Protein backbone atom coordinates (compact mmCIF):
# COMPACT_ATOMS: atom_id res chain seq x y z
CA MET A 1 84.99 98.43 186.01
CA ASP A 2 88.73 98.96 185.13
CA ILE A 3 90.68 101.07 187.41
CA ASP A 4 94.50 101.40 187.38
CA ASN A 5 94.83 98.08 185.52
CA THR A 6 93.02 96.31 188.25
CA GLN A 7 89.82 94.40 187.29
CA VAL A 8 86.88 94.80 189.48
CA GLU A 9 83.76 92.84 189.18
CA GLU A 10 80.58 94.30 190.32
CA VAL A 11 77.61 92.24 191.21
CA ASN A 12 74.00 93.58 190.62
CA PRO A 13 72.10 93.60 193.89
CA GLU A 14 68.83 93.10 192.03
CA SER A 15 69.99 89.65 190.71
CA GLN A 16 70.99 88.45 194.07
CA GLY A 17 67.86 89.44 195.89
CA GLU A 18 67.06 92.28 198.15
CA ASP A 19 68.43 90.82 201.48
CA SER A 20 71.99 89.86 200.14
CA ASP A 21 75.00 92.04 200.41
CA VAL A 22 76.94 93.51 197.48
CA VAL A 23 80.12 91.50 196.88
CA VAL A 24 83.16 93.36 195.24
CA GLN A 25 85.93 91.09 193.97
CA GLU A 26 89.25 92.41 193.06
CA GLN A 27 91.79 90.50 190.89
CA GLY A 28 95.48 91.12 190.19
CA PRO A 29 96.77 93.64 187.47
CA VAL A 30 95.54 92.83 184.06
CA GLU A 31 97.92 93.11 181.29
CA VAL A 32 96.98 95.39 178.52
CA ALA A 33 97.84 93.88 174.92
CA ASP A 34 99.77 96.29 172.98
CA GLU A 35 97.36 96.51 170.01
CA GLN A 36 99.62 98.99 168.16
CA GLU A 37 102.70 97.09 167.37
CA GLU A 38 105.72 98.98 165.96
CA PRO A 39 105.58 98.57 162.19
CA ASP A 40 108.83 97.18 160.42
CA THR A 41 110.89 100.09 159.28
CA PHE A 42 113.80 100.14 156.79
CA ASP A 43 116.40 102.63 156.15
CA ARG A 44 115.70 105.43 153.92
CA LYS A 45 118.58 104.31 151.39
CA TYR A 46 117.10 100.97 151.03
CA VAL A 47 113.70 102.15 150.24
CA GLU A 48 114.88 104.63 147.71
CA SER A 49 116.72 101.88 145.95
CA LEU A 50 113.68 99.75 145.92
CA ARG A 51 111.56 102.61 144.44
CA ARG A 52 114.19 103.20 141.77
CA GLU A 53 114.23 99.53 140.91
CA SER A 54 110.43 99.55 140.78
CA ALA A 55 110.42 102.66 138.57
CA LYS A 56 112.82 100.96 136.05
CA TYR A 57 110.33 98.02 135.74
CA ARG A 58 107.37 100.36 135.15
CA ASP A 59 109.22 102.13 132.51
CA LYS A 60 110.19 98.86 130.83
CA ALA A 61 106.65 97.72 130.77
CA LYS A 62 105.31 101.02 129.39
CA ARG A 63 108.00 100.66 126.70
CA THR A 64 106.98 96.95 125.95
CA GLU A 65 103.47 98.08 125.53
CA GLU A 66 104.49 100.83 123.26
CA LEU A 67 106.36 98.39 121.09
CA GLU A 68 103.51 95.83 120.99
CA GLN A 69 101.33 98.57 119.88
CA ARG A 70 103.64 99.47 117.05
CA LEU A 71 104.22 95.72 115.89
CA HIS A 72 100.31 95.28 115.87
CA HIS A 73 99.78 98.38 113.78
CA ALA A 74 102.72 97.33 111.40
CA LEU A 75 101.21 93.78 111.11
CA VAL A 76 97.72 95.11 110.08
CA ALA A 77 99.33 97.55 107.63
CA GLN A 78 101.28 94.63 106.11
CA ASP A 79 98.20 92.66 105.60
CA GLY A 80 96.75 95.64 103.47
CA ARG A 81 93.08 94.94 103.60
CA LEU A 82 92.24 97.68 105.93
CA ALA A 83 92.42 101.42 104.76
CA ASP A 84 93.58 102.54 108.23
CA PRO A 85 95.45 99.81 110.27
CA SER A 86 94.45 101.71 113.53
CA ASP A 87 90.93 100.52 112.99
CA LEU A 88 91.62 97.23 114.34
CA GLU A 89 91.79 97.30 118.12
CA PHE A 90 95.05 95.95 119.75
CA ASN A 91 94.92 92.27 120.88
CA ALA A 92 98.09 90.68 122.09
CA GLU A 93 96.98 87.33 120.45
CA HIS A 94 97.40 89.03 117.03
CA LEU A 95 101.18 89.36 117.54
CA THR A 96 101.80 85.64 117.75
CA ASP A 97 98.86 84.07 115.79
CA THR A 98 98.65 85.38 112.22
CA GLU A 99 95.39 83.31 111.57
CA ALA A 100 93.80 85.11 114.43
CA LEU A 101 94.88 88.43 112.93
CA SER A 102 93.67 87.45 109.68
CA THR A 103 90.46 86.36 111.02
CA ALA A 104 89.91 89.58 113.00
CA ILE A 105 90.61 91.72 110.00
CA GLY A 106 88.13 89.70 107.91
CA THR A 107 85.46 90.08 110.60
CA LEU A 108 86.21 93.65 110.94
CA ILE A 109 85.73 94.19 107.15
CA ALA A 110 82.54 92.09 107.13
CA ALA A 111 81.16 94.13 109.75
CA LYS A 112 82.17 97.59 108.58
CA PRO A 113 82.93 97.36 104.65
CA GLY A 114 83.62 101.01 104.62
CA LEU A 115 86.98 100.30 106.47
CA LYS A 116 88.34 98.15 103.62
CA ALA A 117 91.21 99.55 101.49
CA GLN A 118 90.12 100.96 98.33
CA GLN A 119 92.09 99.87 95.12
CA VAL A 120 92.45 102.38 92.59
CA SER A 121 92.17 101.04 88.93
CA GLY A 122 92.31 102.69 85.55
CA ASP A 123 93.92 106.01 84.34
CA VAL A 124 93.30 108.71 86.88
CA GLY A 125 95.34 111.27 84.92
CA ALA A 126 98.17 111.31 87.25
CA GLY A 127 101.76 109.85 87.42
CA VAL A 128 104.54 109.11 84.91
CA ARG A 129 103.41 109.51 81.31
CA GLU A 130 105.00 108.67 77.98
CA GLN A 131 106.93 111.31 76.35
CA PRO A 132 104.84 113.42 73.95
CA LYS A 133 105.13 112.89 70.31
CA PRO A 134 106.60 115.62 68.35
CA PRO A 135 104.05 117.51 66.41
CA THR A 136 103.53 116.55 62.63
CA THR A 137 103.14 120.03 61.55
CA ASP A 138 105.91 122.60 61.91
CA LEU A 139 104.41 126.01 62.53
CA LEU A 140 107.82 127.73 62.27
CA ALA A 141 108.32 126.35 58.69
CA ILE A 142 104.84 127.45 57.73
CA MET A 143 105.54 130.94 58.88
CA LYS A 144 108.83 131.33 57.10
CA GLY A 145 107.08 130.22 54.02
CA LEU A 146 104.84 133.18 54.23
CA ILE A 147 107.54 135.63 54.32
């Protein structure tokens, strides 16, 4: 039992036998370990500067990710084999290894041929045309001849 920082040891009379007396021993004060040590604290100005610095690094990382995504999209579009460059999922390895990018595009087209870019061929009736030829018959001259 612990009373006023003094440790008391009790002896159970049943373990000693019925004819022995109960012995109580007292020992000196026991030191209680301070389990809750005071945490390290920093002044508010220092903590705010650390937070601002950390926020700058997070913003920079977000911007880097965005630029990597745009570069990947541009590299896939430059290849020209896919109708929509966003069909190929982003992989950082594709940014540095053109062979891996080409292989990934080829694998995607083999798995899903509908994603392949369509090549239009032949005359579709649109675009710049040659100047029309002047008519061989002159309707105005024919009408003047009738008068």
